[in-house]
All heavy atoms as atom14 arrays in JSON, in Angstrom:
{
  "sequence": "NEGKEFYMIVNENNTSSIKGVLKAGFIPFAKGHKNFFNRYVIDQ",
  "atom14_mask": [
    [1, 1, 1, 1, 1, 1, 1, 1, 0, 0, 0, 0, 0, 0],
    [1, 1, 1, 1, 1, 1, 1, 1, 1, 0, 0, 0, 0, 0],
    [1, 1, 1, 1, 0, 0, 0, 0, 0, 0, 0, 0, 0, 0],
    [1, 1, 1, 1, 1, 1, 1, 1, 1, 0, 0, 0, 0, 0],
    [1, 1, 1, 1, 1, 1, 1, 1, 1, 0, 0, 0, 0, 0],
    [1, 1, 1, 1, 1, 1, 1, 1, 1, 1, 1, 0, 0, 0],
    [1, 1, 1, 1, 1, 1, 1, 1, 1, 1, 1, 1, 0, 0],
    [1, 1, 1, 1, 1, 1, 1, 1, 0, 0, 0, 0, 0, 0],
    [1, 1, 1, 1, 1, 1, 1, 1, 0, 0, 0, 0, 0, 0],
    [1, 1, 1, 1, 1, 1, 1, 0, 0, 0, 0, 0, 0, 0],
    [1, 1, 1, 1, 1, 1, 1, 1, 0, 0, 0, 0, 0, 0],
    [1, 1, 1, 1, 1, 1, 1, 1, 1, 0, 0, 0, 0, 0],
    [1, 1, 1, 1, 1, 1, 1, 1, 0, 0, 0, 0, 0, 0],
    [1, 1, 1, 1, 1, 1, 1, 1, 0, 0, 0, 0, 0, 0],
    [1, 1, 1, 1, 1, 1, 1, 0, 0, 0, 0, 0, 0, 0],
    [1, 1, 1, 1, 1, 1, 0, 0, 0, 0, 0, 0, 0, 0],
    [1, 1, 1, 1, 1, 1, 0, 0, 0, 0, 0, 0, 0, 0],
    [1, 1, 1, 1, 1, 1, 1, 1, 0, 0, 0, 0, 0, 0],
    [1, 1, 1, 1, 1, 1, 1, 1, 1, 0, 0, 0, 0, 0],
    [1, 1, 1, 1, 0, 0, 0, 0, 0, 0, 0, 0, 0, 0],
    [1, 1, 1, 1, 1, 1, 1, 0, 0, 0, 0, 0, 0, 0],
    [1, 1, 1, 1, 1, 1, 1, 1, 0, 0, 0, 0, 0, 0],
    [1, 1, 1, 1, 1, 1, 1, 1, 1, 0, 0, 0, 0, 0],
    [1, 1, 1, 1, 1, 0, 0, 0, 0, 0, 0, 0, 0, 0],
    [1, 1, 1, 1, 0, 0, 0, 0, 0, 0, 0, 0, 0, 0],
    [1, 1, 1, 1, 1, 1, 1, 1, 1, 1, 1, 0, 0, 0],
    [1, 1, 1, 1, 1, 1, 1, 1, 0, 0, 0, 0, 0, 0],
    [1, 1, 1, 1, 1, 1, 1, 0, 0, 0, 0, 0, 0, 0],
    [1, 1, 1, 1, 1, 1, 1, 1, 1, 1, 1, 0, 0, 0],
    [1, 1, 1, 1, 1, 0, 0, 0, 0, 0, 0, 0, 0, 0],
    [1, 1, 1, 1, 1, 1, 1, 1, 1, 0, 0, 0, 0, 0],
    [1, 1, 1, 1, 0, 0, 0, 0, 0, 0, 0, 0, 0, 0],
    [1, 1, 1, 1, 1, 1, 1, 1, 1, 1, 0, 0, 0, 0],
    [1, 1, 1, 1, 1, 1, 1, 1, 1, 0, 0, 0, 0, 0],
    [1, 1, 1, 1, 1, 1, 1, 1, 0, 0, 0, 0, 0, 0],
    [1, 1, 1, 1, 1, 1, 1, 1, 1, 1, 1, 0, 0, 0],
    [1, 1, 1, 1, 1, 1, 1, 1, 1, 1, 1, 0, 0, 0],
    [1, 1, 1, 1, 1, 1, 1, 1, 0, 0, 0, 0, 0, 0],
    [1, 1, 1, 1, 1, 1, 1, 1, 1, 1, 1, 0, 0, 0],
    [1, 1, 1, 1, 1, 1, 1, 1, 1, 1, 1, 1, 0, 0],
    [1, 1, 1, 1, 1, 1, 1, 0, 0, 0, 0, 0, 0, 0],
    [1, 1, 1, 1, 1, 1, 1, 1, 0, 0, 0, 0, 0, 0],
    [1, 1, 1, 1, 1, 1, 1, 1, 0, 0, 0, 0, 0, 0],
    [1, 1, 1, 1, 1, 1, 1, 1, 1, 0, 0, 0, 0, 0]
  ],
  "atom14_positions": [
    [[137.52, -180.86, -48.99], [136.18, -181.32, -48.56], [135.14, -180.85, -49.55], [134.16, -180.17, -49.19], [135.87, -180.78, -47.16], [136.76, -181.36, -46.11], [136.56, -182.46, -45.64], [137.8, -180.62, -45.73], [0.0, 0.0, 0.0], [0.0, 0.0, 0.0], [0.0, 0.0, 0.0], [0.0, 0.0, 0.0], [0.0, 0.0, 0.0], [0.0, 0.0, 0.0]],
    [[135.31, -181.22, -50.78], [134.43, -180.78, -51.87], [132.97, -181.15, -51.59], [132.68, -182.21, -51.04], [134.89, -181.46, -53.16], [134.49, -180.72, -54.4], [135.17, -181.3, -55.63], [136.38, -181.51, -55.6], [134.44, -181.53, -56.59], [0.0, 0.0, 0.0], [0.0, 0.0, 0.0], [0.0, 0.0, 0.0], [0.0, 0.0, 0.0], [0.0, 0.0, 0.0]],
    [[132.08, -180.26, -51.95], [130.65, -180.51, -51.8], [130.1, -180.19, -50.42], [128.92, -180.45, -50.16], [0.0, 0.0, 0.0], [0.0, 0.0, 0.0], [0.0, 0.0, 0.0], [0.0, 0.0, 0.0], [0.0, 0.0, 0.0], [0.0, 0.0, 0.0], [0.0, 0.0, 0.0], [0.0, 0.0, 0.0], [0.0, 0.0, 0.0], [0.0, 0.0, 0.0]],
    [[130.9, -179.67, -49.54], [130.46, -179.31, -48.19], [130.19, -177.81, -48.1], [130.64, -177.04, -48.93], [131.53, -179.68, -47.16], [131.94, -181.13, -47.16], [130.87, -181.99, -46.57], [131.36, -183.43, -46.45], [130.3, -184.32, -45.99], [0.0, 0.0, 0.0], [0.0, 0.0, 0.0], [0.0, 0.0, 0.0], [0.0, 0.0, 0.0], [0.0, 0.0, 0.0]],
    [[129.44, -177.42, -47.09], [129.26, -176.01, -46.77], [130.13, -175.71, -45.55], [130.23, -176.53, -44.65], [127.8, -175.7, -46.48], [126.94, -175.79, -47.71], [125.6, -175.1, -47.53], [125.36, -174.48, -46.48], [124.8, -175.19, -48.46], [0.0, 0.0, 0.0], [0.0, 0.0, 0.0], [0.0, 0.0, 0.0], [0.0, 0.0, 0.0], [0.0, 0.0, 0.0]],
    [[130.74, -174.53, -45.54], [131.7, -174.18, -44.5], [131.25, -172.96, -43.73], [130.78, -171.98, -44.32], [133.09, -173.92, -45.12], [133.6, -175.11, -45.87], [133.33, -175.24, -47.22], [134.32, -176.09, -45.23], [133.78, -176.34, -47.92], [134.77, -177.19, -45.92], [134.5, -177.33, -47.27], [0.0, 0.0, 0.0], [0.0, 0.0, 0.0], [0.0, 0.0, 0.0]],
    [[131.44, -173.0, -42.41], [131.06, -171.92, -41.53], [132.19, -171.61, -40.57], [132.95, -172.51, -40.18], [129.81, -172.3, -40.73], [128.62, -172.61, -41.59], [128.39, -173.9, -42.06], [127.73, -171.61, -41.96], [127.3, -174.18, -42.86], [126.63, -171.89, -42.76], [126.42, -173.17, -43.21], [125.34, -173.45, -44.0], [0.0, 0.0, 0.0], [0.0, 0.0, 0.0]],
    [[132.27, -170.35, -40.18], [133.25, -169.92, -39.18], [132.6, -168.87, -38.29], [131.73, -168.12, -38.75], [134.49, -169.33, -39.85], [135.27, -170.32, -40.68], [136.79, -169.64, -41.35], [137.81, -169.67, -39.87], [0.0, 0.0, 0.0], [0.0, 0.0, 0.0], [0.0, 0.0, 0.0], [0.0, 0.0, 0.0], [0.0, 0.0, 0.0], [0.0, 0.0, 0.0]],
    [[133.04, -168.81, -37.05], [132.6, -167.78, -36.12], [133.86, -167.1, -35.6], [134.78, -167.76, -35.11], [131.79, -168.38, -34.96], [130.55, -169.09, -35.5], [131.41, -167.3, -33.96], [129.79, -169.88, -34.46], [0.0, 0.0, 0.0], [0.0, 0.0, 0.0], [0.0, 0.0, 0.0], [0.0, 0.0, 0.0], [0.0, 0.0, 0.0], [0.0, 0.0, 0.0]],
    [[133.93, -165.76, -35.74], [135.12, -165.01, -35.38], [134.72, -163.84, -34.48], [133.74, -163.14, -34.76], [135.83, -164.47, -36.66], [137.07, -163.69, -36.29], [136.17, -165.61, -37.62], [0.0, 0.0, 0.0], [0.0, 0.0, 0.0], [0.0, 0.0, 0.0], [0.0, 0.0, 0.0], [0.0, 0.0, 0.0], [0.0, 0.0, 0.0], [0.0, 0.0, 0.0]],
    [[135.48, -163.64, -33.44], [135.27, -162.49, -32.57], [135.43, -161.22, -33.41], [136.42, -161.08, -34.13], [136.27, -162.5, -31.42], [136.02, -161.43, -30.4], [135.81, -160.26, -30.73], [136.04, -161.81, -29.14], [0.0, 0.0, 0.0], [0.0, 0.0, 0.0], [0.0, 0.0, 0.0], [0.0, 0.0, 0.0], [0.0, 0.0, 0.0], [0.0, 0.0, 0.0]],
    [[134.48, -160.3, -33.31], [134.51, -159.11, -34.16], [135.71, -158.2, -33.86], [136.05, -157.34, -34.66], [133.21, -158.31, -34.05], [132.98, -157.63, -32.72], [131.69, -156.83, -32.69], [131.03, -156.7, -33.74], [131.36, -156.33, -31.61], [0.0, 0.0, 0.0], [0.0, 0.0, 0.0], [0.0, 0.0, 0.0], [0.0, 0.0, 0.0], [0.0, 0.0, 0.0]],
    [[136.39, -158.4, -32.74], [137.59, -157.62, -32.42], [138.85, -158.23, -33.01], [139.92, -157.62, -32.94], [137.73, -157.48, -30.9], [136.59, -156.69, -30.29], [136.11, -155.74, -30.89], [136.15, -157.1, -29.12], [0.0, 0.0, 0.0], [0.0, 0.0, 0.0], [0.0, 0.0, 0.0], [0.0, 0.0, 0.0], [0.0, 0.0, 0.0], [0.0, 0.0, 0.0]],
    [[138.77, -159.42, -33.56], [139.93, -160.11, -34.12], [140.05, -159.72, -35.6], [139.75, -160.49, -36.5], [139.78, -161.62, -33.95], [141.03, -162.37, -34.29], [141.94, -161.85, -34.93], [141.06, -163.63, -33.88], [0.0, 0.0, 0.0], [0.0, 0.0, 0.0], [0.0, 0.0, 0.0], [0.0, 0.0, 0.0], [0.0, 0.0, 0.0], [0.0, 0.0, 0.0]],
    [[140.53, -158.51, -35.84], [140.56, -157.96, -37.21], [141.49, -158.75, -38.13], [141.18, -158.92, -39.31], [140.97, -156.48, -37.2], [142.21, -156.34, -36.52], [139.91, -155.62, -36.53], [0.0, 0.0, 0.0], [0.0, 0.0, 0.0], [0.0, 0.0, 0.0], [0.0, 0.0, 0.0], [0.0, 0.0, 0.0], [0.0, 0.0, 0.0], [0.0, 0.0, 0.0]],
    [[142.6, -159.26, -37.62], [143.51, -160.02, -38.49], [142.87, -161.32, -38.95], [143.01, -161.71, -40.11], [144.85, -160.27, -37.8], [144.66, -160.99, -36.61], [0.0, 0.0, 0.0], [0.0, 0.0, 0.0], [0.0, 0.0, 0.0], [0.0, 0.0, 0.0], [0.0, 0.0, 0.0], [0.0, 0.0, 0.0], [0.0, 0.0, 0.0], [0.0, 0.0, 0.0]],
    [[142.14, -161.98, -38.09], [141.44, -163.21, -38.48], [140.33, -162.9, -39.48], [140.14, -163.64, -40.46], [140.87, -163.92, -37.26], [140.32, -165.16, -37.63], [0.0, 0.0, 0.0], [0.0, 0.0, 0.0], [0.0, 0.0, 0.0], [0.0, 0.0, 0.0], [0.0, 0.0, 0.0], [0.0, 0.0, 0.0], [0.0, 0.0, 0.0], [0.0, 0.0, 0.0]],
    [[139.62, -161.82, -39.25], [138.54, -161.44, -40.18], [139.11, -161.16, -41.56], [138.54, -161.59, -42.58], [137.75, -160.23, -39.62], [136.94, -160.66, -38.4], [136.86, -159.62, -40.7], [136.31, -159.53, -37.64], [0.0, 0.0, 0.0], [0.0, 0.0, 0.0], [0.0, 0.0, 0.0], [0.0, 0.0, 0.0], [0.0, 0.0, 0.0], [0.0, 0.0, 0.0]],
    [[140.26, -160.48, -41.64], [140.9, -160.22, -42.94], [141.25, -161.52, -43.64], [141.03, -161.68, -44.84], [142.16, -159.38, -42.76], [141.89, -157.94, -42.43], [143.2, -157.18, -42.22], [142.95, -155.78, -41.71], [144.22, -155.08, -41.42], [0.0, 0.0, 0.0], [0.0, 0.0, 0.0], [0.0, 0.0, 0.0], [0.0, 0.0, 0.0], [0.0, 0.0, 0.0]],
    [[141.79, -162.49, -42.92], [142.15, -163.78, -43.5], [140.95, -164.57, -43.97], [140.97, -165.19, -45.03], [0.0, 0.0, 0.0], [0.0, 0.0, 0.0], [0.0, 0.0, 0.0], [0.0, 0.0, 0.0], [0.0, 0.0, 0.0], [0.0, 0.0, 0.0], [0.0, 0.0, 0.0], [0.0, 0.0, 0.0], [0.0, 0.0, 0.0], [0.0, 0.0, 0.0]],
    [[139.88, -164.53, -43.19], [138.65, -165.24, -43.54], [138.04, -164.64, -44.81], [137.63, -165.37, -45.72], [137.65, -165.19, -42.36], [136.28, -165.66, -42.75], [138.19, -166.01, -41.19], [0.0, 0.0, 0.0], [0.0, 0.0, 0.0], [0.0, 0.0, 0.0], [0.0, 0.0, 0.0], [0.0, 0.0, 0.0], [0.0, 0.0, 0.0], [0.0, 0.0, 0.0]],
    [[138.0, -163.31, -44.88], [137.47, -162.65, -46.08], [138.34, -162.94, -47.3], [137.83, -163.21, -48.39], [137.38, -161.14, -45.84], [136.33, -160.68, -44.83], [136.51, -159.19, -44.53], [134.92, -160.97, -45.32], [0.0, 0.0, 0.0], [0.0, 0.0, 0.0], [0.0, 0.0, 0.0], [0.0, 0.0, 0.0], [0.0, 0.0, 0.0], [0.0, 0.0, 0.0]],
    [[139.65, -162.91, -47.11], [140.58, -163.17, -48.21], [140.4, -164.59, -48.76], [140.59, -164.83, -49.95], [142.02, -162.96, -47.73], [143.05, -163.06, -48.82], [144.44, -162.74, -48.28], [145.49, -162.83, -49.36], [146.83, -162.53, -48.85], [0.0, 0.0, 0.0], [0.0, 0.0, 0.0], [0.0, 0.0, 0.0], [0.0, 0.0, 0.0], [0.0, 0.0, 0.0]],
    [[140.03, -165.53, -47.89], [139.85, -166.92, -48.3], [138.5, -167.18, -48.96], [138.24, -168.3, -49.39], [140.02, -167.84, -47.1], [0.0, 0.0, 0.0], [0.0, 0.0, 0.0], [0.0, 0.0, 0.0], [0.0, 0.0, 0.0], [0.0, 0.0, 0.0], [0.0, 0.0, 0.0], [0.0, 0.0, 0.0], [0.0, 0.0, 0.0], [0.0, 0.0, 0.0]],
    [[137.63, -166.17, -49.05], [136.37, -166.34, -49.76], [135.14, -166.51, -48.89], [134.07, -166.88, -49.38], [0.0, 0.0, 0.0], [0.0, 0.0, 0.0], [0.0, 0.0, 0.0], [0.0, 0.0, 0.0], [0.0, 0.0, 0.0], [0.0, 0.0, 0.0], [0.0, 0.0, 0.0], [0.0, 0.0, 0.0], [0.0, 0.0, 0.0], [0.0, 0.0, 0.0]],
    [[135.24, -166.25, -47.59], [134.08, -166.31, -46.71], [133.4, -164.94, -46.67], [134.05, -163.91, -46.86], [134.51, -166.7, -45.29], [134.89, -168.14, -45.13], [136.11, -168.61, -45.57], [134.01, -169.03, -44.55], [136.48, -169.93, -45.42], [134.36, -170.36, -44.39], [135.59, -170.82, -44.83], [0.0, 0.0, 0.0], [0.0, 0.0, 0.0], [0.0, 0.0, 0.0]],
    [[132.09, -164.95, -46.42], [131.35, -163.69, -46.28], [130.57, -163.73, -44.95], [130.12, -164.78, -44.52], [130.37, -163.46, -47.45], [129.38, -164.61, -47.58], [131.11, -163.26, -48.75], [128.2, -164.31, -48.47], [0.0, 0.0, 0.0], [0.0, 0.0, 0.0], [0.0, 0.0, 0.0], [0.0, 0.0, 0.0], [0.0, 0.0, 0.0], [0.0, 0.0, 0.0]],
    [[130.43, -162.58, -44.3], [129.64, -162.56, -43.06], [128.15, -162.66, -43.38], [127.69, -162.14, -44.38], [129.98, -161.19, -42.46], [130.44, -160.35, -43.6], [131.02, -161.29, -44.61], [0.0, 0.0, 0.0], [0.0, 0.0, 0.0], [0.0, 0.0, 0.0], [0.0, 0.0, 0.0], [0.0, 0.0, 0.0], [0.0, 0.0, 0.0], [0.0, 0.0, 0.0]],
    [[127.42, -163.4, -42.52], [125.98, -163.5, -42.73], [125.18, -163.21, -41.46], [123.97, -163.05, -41.52], [125.58, -164.87, -43.31], [125.69, -166.01, -42.34], [124.62, -166.39, -41.55], [126.88, -166.72, -42.24], [124.72, -167.45, -40.67], [126.99, -167.8, -41.38], [125.91, -168.16, -40.58], [0.0, 0.0, 0.0], [0.0, 0.0, 0.0], [0.0, 0.0, 0.0]],
    [[125.85, -163.1, -40.31], [125.13, -162.83, -39.07], [126.08, -162.3, -38.0], [127.3, -162.42, -38.13], [124.43, -164.09, -38.58], [0.0, 0.0, 0.0], [0.0, 0.0, 0.0], [0.0, 0.0, 0.0], [0.0, 0.0, 0.0], [0.0, 0.0, 0.0], [0.0, 0.0, 0.0], [0.0, 0.0, 0.0], [0.0, 0.0, 0.0], [0.0, 0.0, 0.0]],
    [[125.48, -161.71, -36.96], [126.2, -161.29, -35.76], [125.53, -161.98, -34.58], [124.33, -162.26, -34.61], [126.12, -159.77, -35.56], [126.94, -158.98, -36.53], [126.89, -157.51, -36.17], [127.81, -156.73, -37.1], [127.89, -155.32, -36.67], [0.0, 0.0, 0.0], [0.0, 0.0, 0.0], [0.0, 0.0, 0.0], [0.0, 0.0, 0.0], [0.0, 0.0, 0.0]],
    [[126.34, -162.22, -33.53], [125.76, -162.88, -32.37], [126.64, -162.78, -31.15], [127.61, -162.03, -31.12], [0.0, 0.0, 0.0], [0.0, 0.0, 0.0], [0.0, 0.0, 0.0], [0.0, 0.0, 0.0], [0.0, 0.0, 0.0], [0.0, 0.0, 0.0], [0.0, 0.0, 0.0], [0.0, 0.0, 0.0], [0.0, 0.0, 0.0], [0.0, 0.0, 0.0]],
    [[126.3, -163.56, -30.14], [127.02, -163.54, -28.87], [127.06, -164.96, -28.3], [126.44, -165.87, -28.85], [126.33, -162.6, -27.88], [125.0, -163.12, -27.4], [123.85, -163.04, -28.16], [124.66, -163.75, -26.25], [122.84, -163.58, -27.49], [123.3, -164.02, -26.34], [0.0, 0.0, 0.0], [0.0, 0.0, 0.0], [0.0, 0.0, 0.0], [0.0, 0.0, 0.0]],
    [[127.78, -165.13, -27.19], [127.75, -166.38, -26.45], [126.77, -166.21, -25.3], [126.8, -165.21, -24.59], [129.13, -166.73, -25.9], [130.07, -167.33, -26.89], [131.33, -167.8, -26.18], [132.32, -168.36, -27.14], [133.55, -168.8, -26.44], [0.0, 0.0, 0.0], [0.0, 0.0, 0.0], [0.0, 0.0, 0.0], [0.0, 0.0, 0.0], [0.0, 0.0, 0.0]],
    [[125.92, -167.21, -25.11], [124.94, -167.11, -24.02], [125.52, -167.64, -22.71], [126.7, -167.99, -22.62], [123.64, -167.82, -24.41], [123.78, -169.33, -24.52], [124.79, -169.92, -24.13], [122.76, -169.96, -25.07], [0.0, 0.0, 0.0], [0.0, 0.0, 0.0], [0.0, 0.0, 0.0], [0.0, 0.0, 0.0], [0.0, 0.0, 0.0], [0.0, 0.0, 0.0]],
    [[124.68, -167.74, -21.71], [125.07, -168.19, -20.37], [125.72, -169.57, -20.41], [126.59, -169.88, -19.62], [123.83, -168.19, -19.46], [124.09, -168.7, -18.09], [124.73, -167.91, -17.14], [123.71, -169.99, -17.72], [124.98, -168.39, -15.87], [123.97, -170.47, -16.45], [124.59, -169.67, -15.52], [0.0, 0.0, 0.0], [0.0, 0.0, 0.0], [0.0, 0.0, 0.0]],
    [[125.28, -170.43, -21.34], [125.79, -171.79, -21.45], [127.01, -171.88, -22.37], [127.41, -172.95, -22.78], [124.69, -172.73, -21.95], [123.5, -172.75, -21.05], [122.35, -172.08, -21.39], [123.55, -173.42, -19.83], [121.25, -172.09, -20.56], [122.45, -173.43, -18.99], [121.3, -172.76, -19.34], [0.0, 0.0, 0.0], [0.0, 0.0, 0.0], [0.0, 0.0, 0.0]],
    [[127.59, -170.72, -22.74], [128.77, -170.62, -23.59], [128.49, -171.13, -25.01], [129.37, -171.66, -25.67], [129.96, -171.36, -22.96], [131.27, -170.77, -23.41], [131.37, -169.59, -23.71], [132.29, -171.6, -23.48], [0.0, 0.0, 0.0], [0.0, 0.0, 0.0], [0.0, 0.0, 0.0], [0.0, 0.0, 0.0], [0.0, 0.0, 0.0], [0.0, 0.0, 0.0]],
    [[127.25, -170.99, -25.46], [126.88, -171.38, -26.81], [126.65, -170.12, -27.64], [126.18, -169.11, -27.15], [125.6, -172.21, -26.8], [125.81, -173.53, -26.1], [124.97, -174.59, -26.66], [125.32, -175.87, -26.07], [124.5, -176.85, -25.93], [123.26, -176.72, -26.34], [124.89, -177.98, -25.41], [0.0, 0.0, 0.0], [0.0, 0.0, 0.0], [0.0, 0.0, 0.0]],
    [[127.0, -170.23, -28.92], [126.85, -169.1, -29.83], [125.39, -168.94, -30.22], [124.7, -169.91, -30.55], [127.7, -169.3, -31.08], [129.17, -169.28, -30.8], [129.89, -170.45, -30.62], [129.86, -168.07, -30.69], [131.25, -170.44, -30.37], [131.22, -168.05, -30.42], [131.9, -169.24, -30.26], [133.24, -169.21, -30.0], [0.0, 0.0, 0.0], [0.0, 0.0, 0.0]],
    [[124.92, -167.7, -30.18], [123.53, -167.37, -30.5], [123.55, -166.26, -31.56], [124.29, -165.29, -31.42], [122.78, -166.87, -29.26], [121.36, -166.46, -29.58], [122.81, -167.94, -28.17], [0.0, 0.0, 0.0], [0.0, 0.0, 0.0], [0.0, 0.0, 0.0], [0.0, 0.0, 0.0], [0.0, 0.0, 0.0], [0.0, 0.0, 0.0], [0.0, 0.0, 0.0]],
    [[122.72, -166.41, -32.59], [122.61, -165.35, -33.61], [121.64, -164.29, -33.13], [120.51, -164.6, -32.73], [122.14, -165.94, -34.96], [123.25, -166.79, -35.57], [121.75, -164.82, -35.92], [122.89, -167.43, -36.88], [0.0, 0.0, 0.0], [0.0, 0.0, 0.0], [0.0, 0.0, 0.0], [0.0, 0.0, 0.0], [0.0, 0.0, 0.0], [0.0, 0.0, 0.0]],
    [[122.09, -163.03, -33.14], [121.24, -161.9, -32.78], [120.66, -161.22, -33.99], [119.55, -160.71, -33.95], [122.05, -160.87, -31.98], [122.56, -161.42, -30.66], [121.84, -162.23, -30.03], [123.68, -161.06, -30.26], [0.0, 0.0, 0.0], [0.0, 0.0, 0.0], [0.0, 0.0, 0.0], [0.0, 0.0, 0.0], [0.0, 0.0, 0.0], [0.0, 0.0, 0.0]],
    [[121.44, -161.18, -35.07], [121.04, -160.4, -36.24], [121.62, -161.03, -37.49], [122.81, -161.3, -37.58], [121.57, -158.97, -36.08], [121.41, -158.1, -37.28], [122.15, -156.78, -37.1], [122.91, -156.57, -36.17], [121.93, -155.88, -38.04], [0.0, 0.0, 0.0], [0.0, 0.0, 0.0], [0.0, 0.0, 0.0], [0.0, 0.0, 0.0], [0.0, 0.0, 0.0]]
  ]
}
């Protein structure tokens, strides 16, 4: 998917997934939670 921007959201307790995401070239840019409506919200 050349020319696209890619995003992922990973539970901070899922250390094996975080290792794989970092190994593939992703970097963290925010922290957040799921709200009452089960939607992801950026806190920081």
